[in-house]
Amino acid sequence: MEKGKKNNLQDTFLNSVRVSKASLTVFLVNGVKLQGVVTWFDNFCILLVRDGQMQMVYKHAISTIVTSEPVSLRIDEE
């Protein structure tokens, strides 16, 4: 990581589940439940893939993200 640049928890978590291809359940604020694997994300959206279908989900619509297995996070503290 570049000196002076820190990743936030959200980016660290999303990158970890993206790299590990962990299966997720994403609950939206309206109660809808989505499942899939994160293949891409940015400041505003997450791209979920399940059974070959892609879903772009806006982060402001997400309430909770649950992983199907434990995820290893490495957060550098200074």
Protein backbone atom coordinates (compact mmCIF):
# COMPACT_ATOMS: atom_id res chain seq x y z
CA MET A 1 0.00 0.00 0.00
CA GLU A 2 1.28 3.46 -0.81
CA LYS A 3 2.46 5.54 2.11
CA GLY A 4 -0.26 7.94 3.20
CA LYS A 5 -2.98 5.97 1.39
CA LYS A 6 -5.31 3.80 3.47
CA ASN A 7 -8.03 1.45 2.33
CA ASN A 8 -11.30 1.70 4.15
CA LEU A 9 -13.05 -1.34 5.61
CA GLN A 10 -15.63 -1.43 2.82
CA ASP A 11 -13.01 -1.61 0.05
CA THR A 12 -10.90 -4.11 2.01
CA PHE A 13 -13.91 -6.37 2.59
CA LEU A 14 -15.20 -6.18 -0.99
CA ASN A 15 -11.76 -6.79 -2.46
CA SER A 16 -11.23 -9.78 -0.18
CA VAL A 17 -14.52 -11.43 -1.19
CA ARG A 18 -13.85 -10.60 -4.84
CA VAL A 19 -10.39 -12.21 -4.81
CA SER A 20 -11.55 -15.27 -2.85
CA LYS A 21 -14.72 -15.59 -4.97
CA ALA A 22 -16.72 -16.04 -1.77
CA SER A 23 -20.46 -16.58 -2.11
CA LEU A 24 -22.48 -13.71 -0.63
CA THR A 25 -26.01 -12.92 0.35
CA VAL A 26 -26.81 -9.24 -0.12
CA PHE A 27 -29.89 -7.81 1.59
CA LEU A 28 -31.28 -4.62 0.10
CA VAL A 29 -32.98 -1.86 2.08
CA ASN A 30 -36.35 -2.90 0.56
CA GLY A 31 -35.93 -6.47 1.89
CA VAL A 32 -34.91 -8.15 -1.37
CA LYS A 33 -32.27 -10.87 -0.97
CA LEU A 34 -29.64 -11.30 -3.69
CA GLN A 35 -26.97 -14.00 -3.85
CA GLY A 36 -23.82 -14.24 -5.89
CA VAL A 37 -20.11 -13.56 -6.17
CA VAL A 38 -18.61 -10.07 -6.39
CA THR A 39 -16.66 -9.71 -9.63
CA TRP A 40 -16.19 -5.93 -9.60
CA PHE A 41 -16.95 -2.87 -7.46
CA ASP A 42 -16.35 0.86 -7.36
CA ASN A 43 -17.43 3.75 -5.13
CA PHE A 44 -21.09 3.42 -6.14
CA CYS A 45 -21.82 -0.11 -7.40
CA ILE A 46 -21.15 -3.80 -6.88
CA LEU A 47 -21.35 -6.33 -9.71
CA LEU A 48 -22.76 -9.69 -8.55
CA VAL A 49 -22.71 -12.82 -10.70
CA ARG A 50 -24.83 -15.93 -10.13
CA ASP A 51 -25.51 -18.74 -12.60
CA GLY A 52 -23.96 -16.69 -15.40
CA GLN A 53 -26.28 -13.73 -14.76
CA MET A 54 -24.84 -10.34 -13.78
CA GLN A 55 -26.55 -7.87 -11.47
CA MET A 56 -25.26 -4.37 -10.88
CA VAL A 57 -26.35 -3.22 -7.44
CA TYR A 58 -26.03 0.34 -6.22
CA LYS A 59 -24.37 0.48 -2.80
CA HIS A 60 -26.95 2.94 -1.44
CA ALA A 61 -29.58 0.20 -1.90
CA ILE A 62 -27.64 -2.34 0.23
CA SER A 63 -28.50 -2.91 3.87
CA THR A 64 -26.35 -5.93 4.79
CA ILE A 65 -23.82 -8.30 3.20
CA VAL A 66 -23.40 -11.81 4.64
CA THR A 67 -20.67 -14.23 3.55
CA SER A 68 -21.24 -17.98 3.38
CA GLU A 69 -17.83 -18.61 4.94
CA PRO A 70 -15.36 -16.61 7.06
CA VAL A 71 -13.34 -14.01 5.17
CA SER A 72 -9.79 -13.08 6.07
CA LEU A 73 -9.27 -9.32 6.28
CA ARG A 74 -5.89 -7.67 6.67
CA ILE A 75 -6.21 -4.10 7.82
CA ASP A 76 -3.00 -2.18 8.41
CA GLU A 77 -3.19 0.14 11.38
CA GLU A 78 -0.81 3.00 11.92
